[in-house]
Amino acid sequence: METKKYSSYAQIDRELEILKIEKQINYQKLVLSVQKTKESLEPHNIINGFLGSYKTILSNSYMKIIQAAIPYLIGWFMNKKRGH
């Protein structure tokens, strides 16, 4: 790392303030990351994550089954109305 040269104490103070703020930002990012990790490891979030991945698969399967069954149900209902 290159050694910085400062021409005044004001520049040093400014650099220290910037480093202090960067440190606070990184600390808050770490705290947020730990909180998100804790939340993701809670039982209801694990179950929701597991079910969420299968939700799209199941919903697509149900739609295909319903779409295939509707014509048969309409035909059955029409035949029942006619008395067959």
Protein backbone atom coordinates (compact mmCIF):
# COMPACT_ATOMS: atom_id res chain seq x y z
CA MET A 1 0.00 0.00 0.00
CA GLU A 2 1.25 3.41 -0.92
CA THR A 3 2.13 5.83 1.88
CA LYS A 4 -0.03 8.92 1.75
CA LYS A 5 1.45 12.35 2.23
CA TYR A 6 -0.63 15.02 3.86
CA SER A 7 0.01 18.73 3.71
CA SER A 8 -2.23 19.70 6.63
CA TYR A 9 -3.90 18.35 9.73
CA ALA A 10 -7.26 19.07 8.10
CA GLN A 11 -6.51 16.47 5.41
CA ILE A 12 -5.57 13.94 8.07
CA ASP A 13 -8.76 14.66 10.03
CA ARG A 14 -10.82 14.32 6.86
CA GLU A 15 -9.20 10.97 6.02
CA LEU A 16 -9.77 9.73 9.57
CA GLU A 17 -13.43 10.79 9.40
CA ILE A 18 -13.86 8.95 6.10
CA LEU A 19 -12.26 5.81 7.57
CA LYS A 20 -14.47 6.07 10.66
CA ILE A 21 -17.62 6.29 8.53
CA GLU A 22 -16.47 3.37 6.33
CA LYS A 23 -15.88 1.33 9.48
CA GLN A 24 -19.40 2.11 10.73
CA ILE A 25 -20.91 1.18 7.36
CA ASN A 26 -19.05 -2.14 7.28
CA TYR A 27 -20.09 -2.88 10.86
CA GLN A 28 -23.76 -2.23 10.00
CA LYS A 29 -23.47 -4.46 6.94
CA LEU A 30 -22.08 -7.20 9.17
CA VAL A 31 -24.89 -6.76 11.71
CA LEU A 32 -27.51 -6.90 8.93
CA SER A 33 -25.90 -10.00 7.47
CA VAL A 34 -25.98 -11.76 10.86
CA GLN A 35 -29.64 -10.80 11.33
CA LYS A 36 -30.58 -12.13 7.90
CA THR A 37 -28.70 -15.36 8.59
CA LYS A 38 -30.51 -15.79 11.92
CA GLU A 39 -33.87 -15.17 10.24
CA SER A 40 -33.12 -17.61 7.45
CA LEU A 41 -32.34 -20.33 10.01
CA GLU A 42 -35.65 -19.96 11.86
CA PRO A 43 -37.82 -23.06 11.41
CA HIS A 44 -40.73 -21.34 9.65
CA ASN A 45 -38.38 -19.68 7.15
CA ILE A 46 -36.64 -22.99 6.42
CA ILE A 47 -40.02 -24.64 5.79
CA ASN A 48 -41.23 -21.71 3.66
CA GLY A 49 -38.04 -21.83 1.62
CA PHE A 50 -38.38 -25.58 1.13
CA LEU A 51 -42.04 -25.38 0.15
CA GLY A 52 -41.49 -22.28 -1.98
CA SER A 53 -39.18 -24.17 -4.30
CA TYR A 54 -41.84 -26.83 -4.87
CA LYS A 55 -44.74 -24.39 -5.05
CA THR A 56 -44.20 -23.54 -8.70
CA ILE A 57 -43.80 -27.20 -9.64
CA LEU A 58 -46.99 -28.17 -7.82
CA SER A 59 -49.02 -25.24 -9.08
CA ASN A 60 -48.06 -26.02 -12.69
CA SER A 61 -49.00 -29.68 -12.18
CA TYR A 62 -52.38 -28.77 -10.70
CA MET A 63 -53.12 -26.43 -13.58
CA LYS A 64 -52.33 -29.15 -16.12
CA ILE A 65 -54.56 -31.63 -14.29
CA ILE A 66 -57.42 -29.13 -14.08
CA GLN A 67 -57.06 -28.18 -17.75
CA ALA A 68 -57.18 -31.84 -18.73
CA ALA A 69 -60.15 -32.60 -16.46
CA ILE A 70 -62.38 -29.67 -17.42
CA PRO A 71 -63.48 -31.04 -20.83
CA TYR A 72 -64.41 -34.39 -19.24
CA LEU A 73 -66.34 -32.68 -16.44
CA ILE A 74 -68.25 -30.52 -18.93
CA GLY A 75 -69.07 -33.58 -21.03
CA TRP A 76 -70.20 -35.54 -17.97
CA PHE A 77 -72.37 -32.63 -16.80
CA MET A 78 -73.93 -32.20 -20.25
CA ASN A 79 -74.72 -35.94 -20.48
CA LYS A 80 -76.22 -35.88 -17.00
CA LYS A 81 -78.51 -32.98 -17.93
CA ARG A 82 -79.66 -34.85 -21.07
CA GLY A 83 -80.46 -37.90 -18.98
CA HIS A 84 -77.81 -40.25 -20.41
